[in-house]
Every structure is written in C-alpha cells, then in structure tokens.
C-alpha cells in the first residue's frame, strides 16, 4: 500500500477530506521523528515502539579497492512490533 492509498483510507475512517487526513498523517510522523531525534522512544500500545539505536564505529573494506575504511558511529531508527501485532499477523 502506498501513502496515497493509506491517506484515502484514513480520510474515509476519519470522515474528512484527503487533505486533512494527509496533514494529520504528516503531523503524526513528524512528531515521532522529533521524539526519536531527541533520543526518546515512542511506544504505541498494541502496535509497537519506534526507537533509535547506536551502531558502533567499525572498520570495513571498500568493495572496489579492497582498502580498509572507517565507518563512524551513528544512530539508526528501529521499530519493534508488539506481540499483539505479531499475533494478529499470524491469524490472517
């Protein structure tokens, strides 16, 4: 499902316009992103949690030249599905 299809379903469920549904969708994900940028996690009961994790610095090899190169430490976004969501996926 693409974003525009999701927005269409959201607009129908909210009984509103697609523009208002898109604005709501955008605001929700902007807030989640801002909270994660601050180093906090966002837990949504029965769905899961969004959080960031630090990926340690490491040495790897450049695939073209074979030269060793340093990859710096960085924070990456993660999502962990709740057990309820996982169970509901198995029931379908």
PDB file of N, CA and C in Angstrom:
ATOM      1  N   UNK A   1       0.847  -1.174   0.000  1.00  0.00           N
ATOM      2  CA  UNK A   1       0.000   0.000   0.000  1.00  0.00           C
ATOM      3  C   UNK A   1       0.891   1.235   0.000  1.00  0.00           C
ATOM      4  N   UNK A   2       0.571   2.152  -0.851  1.00  0.00           N
ATOM      5  CA  UNK A   2       1.325   3.400  -0.927  1.00  0.00           C
ATOM      6  C   UNK A   2       0.694   4.446  -0.019  1.00  0.00           C
ATOM      7  N   UNK A   3       1.446   5.524   0.214  1.00  0.00           N
ATOM      8  CA  UNK A   3       0.983   6.568   1.121  1.00  0.00           C
ATOM      9  C   UNK A   3      -0.366   7.131   0.681  1.00  0.00           C
ATOM     10  N   UNK A   4      -0.551   7.389  -0.611  1.00  0.00           N
ATOM     11  CA  UNK A   4      -1.806   7.991  -1.065  1.00  0.00           C
ATOM     12  C   UNK A   4      -2.987   7.053  -0.829  1.00  0.00           C
ATOM     13  N   UNK A   5      -2.765   5.735  -0.949  1.00  0.00           N
ATOM     14  CA  UNK A   5      -3.831   4.772  -0.654  1.00  0.00           C
ATOM     15  C   UNK A   5      -4.165   4.779   0.833  1.00  0.00           C
ATOM     16  N   UNK A   6      -3.128   4.865   1.655  1.00  0.00           N
ATOM     17  CA  UNK A   6      -3.323   4.922   3.097  1.00  0.00           C
ATOM     18  C   UNK A   6      -4.082   6.191   3.478  1.00  0.00           C
ATOM     19  N   UNK A   7      -3.716   7.319   2.872  1.00  0.00           N
ATOM     20  CA  UNK A   7      -4.388   8.596   3.147  1.00  0.00           C
ATOM     21  C   UNK A   7      -5.859   8.504   2.772  1.00  0.00           C
ATOM     22  N   UNK A   8      -6.151   7.858   1.661  1.00  0.00           N
ATOM     23  CA  UNK A   8      -7.538   7.696   1.221  1.00  0.00           C
ATOM     24  C   UNK A   8      -8.339   6.909   2.261  1.00  0.00           C
ATOM     25  N   UNK A   9      -7.772   5.797   2.750  1.00  0.00           N
ATOM     26  CA  UNK A   9      -8.439   5.006   3.792  1.00  0.00           C
ATOM     27  C   UNK A   9      -8.587   5.792   5.090  1.00  0.00           C
ATOM     28  N   UNK A  10      -7.547   6.540   5.445  1.00  0.00           N
ATOM     29  CA  UNK A  10      -7.587   7.349   6.659  1.00  0.00           C
ATOM     30  C   UNK A  10      -8.669   8.421   6.565  1.00  0.00           C
ATOM     31  N   UNK A  11      -8.793   9.054   5.418  1.00  0.00           N
ATOM     32  CA  UNK A  11      -9.822  10.079   5.214  1.00  0.00           C
ATOM     33  C   UNK A  11     -11.215   9.489   5.357  1.00  0.00           C
ATOM     34  N   UNK A  12     -11.413   8.292   4.810  1.00  0.00           N
ATOM     35  CA  UNK A  12     -12.713   7.629   4.938  1.00  0.00           C
ATOM     36  C   UNK A  12     -13.003   7.276   6.397  1.00  0.00           C
ATOM     37  N   UNK A  13     -11.991   6.767   7.105  1.00  0.00           N
ATOM     38  CA  UNK A  13     -12.183   6.376   8.503  1.00  0.00           C
ATOM     39  C   UNK A  13     -12.438   7.596   9.387  1.00  0.00           C
ATOM     40  N   UNK A  14     -11.793   8.722   9.069  1.00  0.00           N
ATOM     41  CA  UNK A  14     -11.961   9.942   9.854  1.00  0.00           C
ATOM     42  C   UNK A  14     -13.167  10.759   9.391  1.00  0.00           C
ATOM     43  N   UNK A  15     -13.770  10.364   8.274  1.00  0.00           N
ATOM     44  CA  UNK A  15     -14.887  11.095   7.668  1.00  0.00           C
ATOM     45  C   UNK A  15     -14.487  12.549   7.426  1.00  0.00           C
ATOM     46  N   UNK A  16     -13.374  12.703   6.719  1.00  0.00           N
ATOM     47  CA  UNK A  16     -12.811  14.022   6.443  1.00  0.00           C
ATOM     48  C   UNK A  16     -12.231  14.033   5.033  1.00  0.00           C
ATOM     49  N   UNK A  17     -11.624  15.145   4.654  1.00  0.00           N
ATOM     50  CA  UNK A  17     -11.024  15.243   3.324  1.00  0.00           C
ATOM     51  C   UNK A  17      -9.655  14.572   3.314  1.00  0.00           C
ATOM     52  N   UNK A  18      -9.198  14.263   2.110  1.00  0.00           N
ATOM     53  CA  UNK A  18      -7.884  13.651   1.989  1.00  0.00           C
ATOM     54  C   UNK A  18      -6.782  14.631   2.384  1.00  0.00           C
ATOM     55  N   UNK A  19      -7.000  15.929   2.168  1.00  0.00           N
ATOM     56  CA  UNK A  19      -6.004  16.920   2.570  1.00  0.00           C
ATOM     57  C   UNK A  19      -5.866  16.941   4.089  1.00  0.00           C
ATOM     58  N   UNK A  20      -6.973  16.933   4.809  1.00  0.00           N
ATOM     59  CA  UNK A  20      -6.912  16.930   6.271  1.00  0.00           C
ATOM     60  C   UNK A  20      -6.290  15.632   6.790  1.00  0.00           C
ATOM     61  N   UNK A  21      -6.613  14.518   6.153  1.00  0.00           N
ATOM     62  CA  UNK A  21      -6.032  13.234   6.545  1.00  0.00           C
ATOM     63  C   UNK A  21      -4.523  13.242   6.290  1.00  0.00           C
ATOM     64  N   UNK A  22      -4.100  13.822   5.163  1.00  0.00           N
ATOM     65  CA  UNK A  22      -2.675  13.918   4.851  1.00  0.00           C
ATOM     66  C   UNK A  22      -1.962  14.792   5.873  1.00  0.00           C
ATOM     67  N   UNK A  23      -2.584  15.915   6.258  1.00  0.00           N
ATOM     68  CA  UNK A  23      -1.990  16.801   7.265  1.00  0.00           C
ATOM     69  C   UNK A  23      -1.829  16.066   8.595  1.00  0.00           C
ATOM     70  N   UNK A  24      -2.843  15.303   8.988  1.00  0.00           N
ATOM     71  CA  UNK A  24      -2.789  14.538  10.231  1.00  0.00           C
ATOM     72  C   UNK A  24      -1.682  13.490  10.158  1.00  0.00           C
ATOM     73  N   UNK A  25      -1.636  12.761   9.066  1.00  0.00           N
ATOM     74  CA  UNK A  25      -0.618  11.734   8.843  1.00  0.00           C
ATOM     75  C   UNK A  25       0.776  12.351   8.956  1.00  0.00           C
ATOM     76  N   UNK A  26       0.983  13.477   8.282  1.00  0.00           N
ATOM     77  CA  UNK A  26       2.280  14.147   8.291  1.00  0.00           C
ATOM     78  C   UNK A  26       2.651  14.605   9.693  1.00  0.00           C
ATOM     79  N   UNK A  27       1.696  15.187  10.419  1.00  0.00           N
ATOM     80  CA  UNK A  27       1.971  15.656  11.780  1.00  0.00           C
ATOM     81  C   UNK A  27       2.367  14.510  12.699  1.00  0.00           C
ATOM     82  N   UNK A  28       1.669  13.385  12.602  1.00  0.00           N
ATOM     83  CA  UNK A  28       1.965  12.236  13.463  1.00  0.00           C
ATOM     84  C   UNK A  28       3.397  11.762  13.236  1.00  0.00           C
ATOM     85  N   UNK A  29       3.783  11.602  11.988  1.00  0.00           N
ATOM     86  CA  UNK A  29       5.129  11.103  11.707  1.00  0.00           C
ATOM     87  C   UNK A  29       6.202  12.153  11.967  1.00  0.00           C
ATOM     88  N   UNK A  30       5.867  13.439  11.844  1.00  0.00           N
ATOM     89  CA  UNK A  30       6.814  14.492  12.225  1.00  0.00           C
ATOM     90  C   UNK A  30       7.075  14.449  13.728  1.00  0.00           C
ATOM     91  N   UNK A  31       6.029  14.248  14.519  1.00  0.00           N
ATOM     92  CA  UNK A  31       6.183  14.175  15.977  1.00  0.00           C
ATOM     93  C   UNK A  31       7.015  12.950  16.358  1.00  0.00           C
ATOM     94  N   UNK A  32       6.730  11.807  15.749  1.00  0.00           N
ATOM     95  CA  UNK A  32       7.505  10.590  16.031  1.00  0.00           C
ATOM     96  C   UNK A  32       8.978  10.827  15.703  1.00  0.00           C
ATOM     97  N   UNK A  33       9.249  11.456  14.566  1.00  0.00           N
ATOM     98  CA  UNK A  33      10.624  11.746  14.156  1.00  0.00           C
ATOM     99  C   UNK A  33      11.304  12.690  15.137  1.00  0.00           C
ATOM    100  N   UNK A  34      10.597  13.740  15.562  1.00  0.00           N
ATOM    101  CA  UNK A  34      11.174  14.697  16.513  1.00  0.00           C
ATOM    102  C   UNK A  34      11.498  14.036  17.840  1.00  0.00           C
ATOM    103  N   UNK A  35      10.607  13.185  18.331  1.00  0.00           N
ATOM    104  CA  UNK A  35      10.842  12.488  19.603  1.00  0.00           C
ATOM    105  C   UNK A  35      12.049  11.563  19.481  1.00  0.00           C
ATOM    106  N   UNK A  36      12.147  10.838  18.369  1.00  0.00           N
ATOM    107  CA  UNK A  36      13.281   9.934  18.167  1.00  0.00           C
ATOM    108  C   UNK A  36      14.582  10.716  18.011  1.00  0.00           C
ATOM    109  N   UNK A  37      14.530  11.891  17.373  1.00  0.00           N
ATOM    110  CA  UNK A  37      15.720  12.744  17.254  1.00  0.00           C
ATOM    111  C   UNK A  37      16.225  13.152  18.625  1.00  0.00           C
ATOM    112  N   UNK A  38      15.316  13.294  19.580  1.00  0.00           N
ATOM    113  CA  UNK A  38      15.686  13.643  20.942  1.00  0.00           C
ATOM    114  C   UNK A  38      16.205  12.477  21.755  1.00  0.00           C
ATOM    115  N   UNK A  39      16.269  11.299  21.150  1.00  0.00           N
ATOM    116  CA  UNK A  39      16.799  10.125  21.832  1.00  0.00           C
ATOM    117  C   UNK A  39      15.760   9.340  22.619  1.00  0.00           C
ATOM    118  N   UNK A  40      14.487   9.723  22.534  1.00  0.00           N
ATOM    119  CA  UNK A  40      13.445   9.004  23.249  1.00  0.00           C
ATOM    120  C   UNK A  40      12.777   7.988  22.320  1.00  0.00           C
ATOM    121  N   UNK A  41      12.022   7.079  22.925  1.00  0.00           N
ATOM    122  CA  UNK A  41      11.282   6.109  22.123  1.00  0.00           C
ATOM    123  C   UNK A  41       9.798   6.457  22.167  1.00  0.00           C
ATOM    124  N   UNK A  42       9.078   6.020  21.144  1.00  0.00           N
ATOM    125  CA  UNK A  42       7.641   6.227  21.061  1.00  0.00           C
ATOM    126  C   UNK A  42       6.983   4.851  21.105  1.00  0.00           C
ATOM    127  N   UNK A  43       6.241   4.588  22.178  1.00  0.00           N
ATOM    128  CA  UNK A  43       5.543   3.315  22.322  1.00  0.00           C
ATOM    129  C   UNK A  43       4.067   3.503  22.009  1.00  0.00           C
ATOM    130  N   UNK A  44       3.550   2.678  21.122  1.00  0.00           N
ATOM    131  CA  UNK A  44       2.134   2.709  20.776  1.00  0.00           C
ATOM    132  C   UNK A  44       1.567   1.348  21.167  1.00  0.00           C
ATOM    133  N   UNK A  45       0.730   1.317  22.215  1.00  0.00           N
ATOM    134  CA  UNK A  45       0.190   0.039  22.683  1.00  0.00           C
ATOM    135  C   UNK A  45      -0.508  -0.727  21.555  1.00  0.00           C
ATOM    136  N   UNK A  46      -0.339  -2.031  21.564  1.00  0.00           N
ATOM    137  CA  UNK A  46      -0.915  -2.970  20.592  1.00  0.00           C
ATOM    138  C   UNK A  46      -0.335  -2.809  19.186  1.00  0.00           C
ATOM    139  N   UNK A  47       0.661  -1.923  19.005  1.00  0.00           N
ATOM    140  CA  UNK A  47       1.278  -1.739  17.696  1.00  0.00           C
ATOM    141  C   UNK A  47       2.780  -1.993  17.759  1.00  0.00           C
ATOM    142  N   UNK A  48       3.489  -1.245  18.597  1.00  0.00           N
ATOM    143  CA  UNK A  48       4.923  -1.441  18.721  1.00  0.00           C
ATOM    144  C   UNK A  48       5.602  -0.194  19.210  1.00  0.00           C
ATOM    145  N   UNK A  49       6.928  -0.158  19.077  1.00  0.00           N
ATOM    146  CA  UNK A  49       7.658   1.028  19.502  1.00  0.00           C
ATOM    147  C   UNK A  49       8.708   1.406  18.483  1.00  0.00           C
ATOM    148  N   UNK A  50       8.857   2.709  18.324  1.00  0.00           N
ATOM    149  CA  UNK A  50       9.868   3.303  17.467  1.00  0.00           C
ATOM    150  C   UNK A  50      10.977   3.808  18.377  1.00  0.00           C
ATOM    151  N   UNK A  51      12.227   3.538  18.018  1.00  0.00           N
ATOM    152  CA  UNK A  51      13.345   3.986  18.838  1.00  0.00           C
ATOM    153  C   UNK A  51      14.586   4.095  17.971  1.00  0.00           C
ATOM    154  N   UNK A  52      15.647   4.668  18.554  1.00  0.00           N
ATOM    155  CA  UNK A  52      16.918   4.735  17.841  1.00  0.00           C
ATOM    156  C   UNK A  52      17.923   3.851  18.553  1.00  0.00           C
ATOM    157  N   UNK A  53      18.874   3.373  17.799  1.00  0.00           N
ATOM    158  CA  UNK A  53      19.917   2.525  18.348  1.00  0.00           C
ATOM    159  C   UNK A  53      21.249   3.012  17.788  1.00  0.00           C
ATOM    160  N   UNK A  54      22.282   2.937  18.606  1.00  0.00           N
ATOM    161  CA  UNK A  54      23.606   3.369  18.159  1.00  0.00           C
ATOM    162  C   UNK A  54      24.298   2.198  17.468  1.00  0.00           C
ATOM    163  N   UNK A  55      24.743   2.456  16.264  1.00  0.00           N
ATOM    164  CA  UNK A  55      25.540   1.468  15.530  1.00  0.00           C
ATOM    165  C   UNK A  55      26.995   1.863  15.741  1.00  0.00           C
ATOM    166  N   UNK A  56      27.761   0.987  16.365  1.00  0.00           N
ATOM    167  CA  UNK A  56      29.145   1.272  16.735  1.00  0.00           C
ATOM    168  C   UNK A  56      30.019   1.542  15.510  1.00  0.00           C
ATOM    169  N   UNK A  57      31.082   2.324  15.720  1.00  0.00           N
ATOM    170  CA  UNK A  57      32.065   2.563  14.664  1.00  0.00           C
ATOM    171  C   UNK A  57      32.758   1.239  14.348  1.00  0.00           C
ATOM    172  N   UNK A  58      33.139   1.069  13.102  1.00  0.00           N
ATOM    173  CA  UNK A  58      33.786  -0.184  12.723  1.00  0.00           C
ATOM    174  C   UNK A  58      34.696   0.042  11.519  1.00  0.00           C
ATOM    175  N   UNK A  59      35.553  -0.920  11.301  1.00  0.00           N
ATOM    176  CA  UNK A  59      36.422  -0.907  10.137  1.00  0.00           C
ATOM    177  C   UNK A  59      35.871  -1.911   9.140  1.00  0.00           C
ATOM    178  N   UNK A  60      35.753  -1.494   7.888  1.00  0.00           N
ATOM    179  CA  UNK A  60      35.292  -2.414   6.845  1.00  0.00           C
ATOM    180  C   UNK A  60      36.188  -2.240   5.622  1.00  0.00           C
ATOM    181  N   UNK A  61      35.874  -2.932   4.575  1.00  0.00           N
ATOM    182  CA  UNK A  61      36.685  -2.843   3.354  1.00  0.00           C
ATOM    183  C   UNK A  61      35.869  -2.212   2.236  1.00  0.00           C
ATOM    184  N   UNK A  62      36.541  -1.347   1.483  1.00  0.00           N
ATOM    185  CA  UNK A  62      35.931  -0.759   0.311  1.00  0.00           C
ATOM    186  C   UNK A  62      35.801  -1.878  -0.729  1.00  0.00           C
ATOM    187  N   UNK A  63      34.587  -2.189  -1.208  1.00  0.00           N
ATOM    188  CA  UNK A  63      34.425  -3.312  -2.138  1.00  0.00           C
ATOM    189  C   UNK A  63      35.131  -3.108  -3.484  1.00  0.00           C
ATOM    190  N   UNK A  64      35.362  -1.864  -3.883  1.00  0.00           N
ATOM    191  CA  UNK A  64      36.017  -1.621  -5.167  1.00  0.00           C
ATOM    192  C   UNK A  64      37.532  -1.762  -5.083  1.00  0.00           C
ATOM    193  N   UNK A  65      38.105  -1.185  -4.021  1.00  0.00           N
ATOM    194  CA  UNK A  65      39.573  -1.183  -3.946  1.00  0.00           C
ATOM    195  C   UNK A  65      40.124  -2.192  -2.944  1.00  0.00           C
ATOM    196  N   UNK A  66      39.302  -2.669  -2.030  1.00  0.00           N
ATOM    197  CA  UNK A  66      39.766  -3.593  -1.013  1.00  0.00           C
ATOM    198  C   UNK A  66      40.469  -2.893   0.139  1.00  0.00           C
ATOM    199  N   UNK A  67      40.578  -1.575   0.080  1.00  0.00           N
ATOM    200  CA  UNK A  67      41.232  -0.797   1.124  1.00  0.00           C
ATOM    201  C   UNK A  67      40.367  -0.771   2.383  1.00  0.00           C
ATOM    202  N   UNK A  68      40.986  -0.877   3.560  1.00  0.00           N
ATOM    203  CA  UNK A  68      40.199  -0.732   4.788  1.00  0.00           C
ATOM    204  C   UNK A  68      39.720   0.709   4.943  1.00  0.00           C
ATOM    205  N   UNK A  69      38.522   0.876   5.484  1.00  0.00           N
ATOM    206  CA  UNK A  69      37.990   2.209   5.723  1.00  0.00           C
ATOM    207  C   UNK A  69      37.214   2.223   7.033  1.00  0.00           C
ATOM    208  N   UNK A  70      37.183   3.375   7.664  1.00  0.00           N
ATOM    209  CA  UNK A  70      36.492   3.526   8.941  1.00  0.00           C
ATOM    210  C   UNK A  70      35.055   3.993   8.694  1.00  0.00           C
ATOM    211  N   UNK A  71      34.108   3.333   9.328  1.00  0.00           N
ATOM    212  CA  UNK A  71      32.710   3.753   9.293  1.00  0.00           C
ATOM    213  C   UNK A  71      32.413   4.330  10.674  1.00  0.00           C
ATOM    214  N   UNK A  72      32.006   5.595  10.741  1.00  0.00           N
ATOM    215  CA  UNK A  72      31.793   6.220  12.049  1.00  0.00           C
ATOM    216  C   UNK A  72      30.549   5.684  12.763  1.00  0.00           C
ATOM    217  N   UNK A  73      30.510   5.904  14.070  1.00  0.00           N
ATOM    218  CA  UNK A  73      29.341   5.550  14.867  1.00  0.00           C
ATOM    219  C   UNK A  73      28.166   6.412  14.411  1.00  0.00           C
ATOM    220  N   UNK A  74      26.950   5.816  14.410  1.00  0.00           N
ATOM    221  CA  UNK A  74      25.775   6.602  14.054  1.00  0.00           C
ATOM    222  C   UNK A  74      24.531   6.020  14.705  1.00  0.00           C
ATOM    223  N   UNK A  75      23.520   6.856  14.836  1.00  0.00           N
ATOM    224  CA  UNK A  75      22.227   6.420  15.362  1.00  0.00           C
ATOM    225  C   UNK A  75      21.336   6.040  14.188  1.00  0.00           C
ATOM    226  N   UNK A  76      20.644   4.917  14.328  1.00  0.00           N
ATOM    227  CA  UNK A  76      19.760   4.454  13.267  1.00  0.00           C
ATOM    228  C   UNK A  76      18.361   4.221  13.841  1.00  0.00           C
ATOM    229  N   UNK A  77      17.312   4.479  13.046  1.00  0.00           N
ATOM    230  CA  UNK A  77      15.952   4.248  13.524  1.00  0.00           C
ATOM    231  C   UNK A  77      15.622   2.764  13.528  1.00  0.00           C
ATOM    232  N   UNK A  78      14.811   2.348  14.506  1.00  0.00           N
ATOM    233  CA  UNK A  78      14.386   0.952  14.617  1.00  0.00           C
ATOM    234  C   UNK A  78      12.904   0.920  14.964  1.00  0.00           C
ATOM    235  N   UNK A  79      12.263  -0.204  14.658  1.00  0.00           N
ATOM    236  CA  UNK A  79      10.879  -0.443  15.045  1.00  0.00           C
ATOM    237  C   UNK A  79      10.771  -1.866  15.559  1.00  0.00           C
ATOM    238  N   UNK A  80      10.092  -2.028  16.683  1.00  0.00           N
ATOM    239  CA  UNK A  80       9.857  -3.360  17.217  1.00  0.00           C
ATOM    240  C   UNK A  80       8.346  -3.538  17.346  1.00  0.00           C
ATOM    241  N   UNK A  81       7.812  -4.516  16.638  1.00  0.00           N
ATOM    242  CA  UNK A  81       6.375  -4.778  16.673  1.00  0.00           C
ATOM    243  C   UNK A  81       5.981  -5.399  18.003  1.00  0.00           C
ATOM    244  N   UNK A  82       4.778  -5.050  18.476  1.00  0.00           N
ATOM    245  CA  UNK A  82       4.285  -5.627  19.725  1.00  0.00           C
ATOM    246  C   UNK A  82       3.880  -7.078  19.482  1.00  0.00           C
ATOM    247  N   UNK A  83       3.804  -7.827  20.559  1.00  0.00           N
ATOM    248  CA  UNK A  83       3.400  -9.236  20.434  1.00  0.00           C
ATOM    249  C   UNK A  83       1.962  -9.338  19.930  1.00  0.00           C
ATOM    250  N   UNK A  84       1.125  -8.379  20.277  1.00  0.00           N
ATOM    251  CA  UNK A  84      -0.266  -8.384  19.805  1.00  0.00           C
ATOM    252  C   UNK A  84      -0.308  -8.202  18.293  1.00  0.00           C
ATOM    253  N   UNK A  85       0.503  -7.286  17.767  1.00  0.00           N
ATOM    254  CA  UNK A  85       0.556  -7.075  16.320  1.00  0.00           C
ATOM    255  C   UNK A  85       1.094  -8.314  15.612  1.00  0.00           C
ATOM    256  N   UNK A  86       2.148  -8.901  16.165  1.00  0.00           N
ATOM    257  CA  UNK A  86       2.714 -10.113  15.571  1.00  0.00           C
ATOM    258  C   UNK A  86       1.687 -11.242  15.536  1.00  0.00           C
ATOM    259  N   UNK A  87       0.946 -11.400  16.632  1.00  0.00           N
ATOM    260  CA  UNK A  87      -0.067 -12.456  16.713  1.00  0.00           C
ATOM    261  C   UNK A  87      -1.179 -12.212  15.701  1.00  0.00           C
ATOM    262  N   UNK A  88      -1.599 -10.953  15.560  1.00  0.00           N
ATOM    263  CA  UNK A  88      -2.677 -10.651  14.615  1.00  0.00           C
ATOM    264  C   UNK A  88      -2.256 -10.917  13.172  1.00  0.00           C
ATOM    265  N   UNK A  89      -0.965 -10.793  12.871  1.00  0.00           N
ATOM    266  CA  UNK A  89      -0.470 -11.091  11.525  1.00  0.00           C
ATOM    267  C   UNK A  89      -0.531 -12.591  11.241  1.00  0.00           C
ATOM    268  N   UNK A  90      -0.349 -13.392  12.267  1.00  0.00           N
ATOM    269  CA  UNK A  90      -0.368 -14.845  12.099  1.00  0.00           C
ATOM    270  C   UNK A  90      -1.776 -15.380  11.923  1.00  0.00           C
ATOM    271  N   UNK A  91      -2.763 -14.666  12.461  1.00  0.00           N
ATOM    272  CA  UNK A  91      -4.141 -15.142  12.420  1.00  0.00           C
ATOM    273  C   UNK A  91      -4.795 -14.957  11.065  1.00  0.00           C
ATOM    274  N   UNK A  92      -4.267 -14.072  10.225  1.00  0.00           N
ATOM    275  CA  UNK A  92      -4.908 -13.796   8.937  1.00  0.00           C
ATOM    276  C   UNK A  92      -4.733 -14.880   7.966  1.00  0.00           C
TER     277      UNK A  92
END
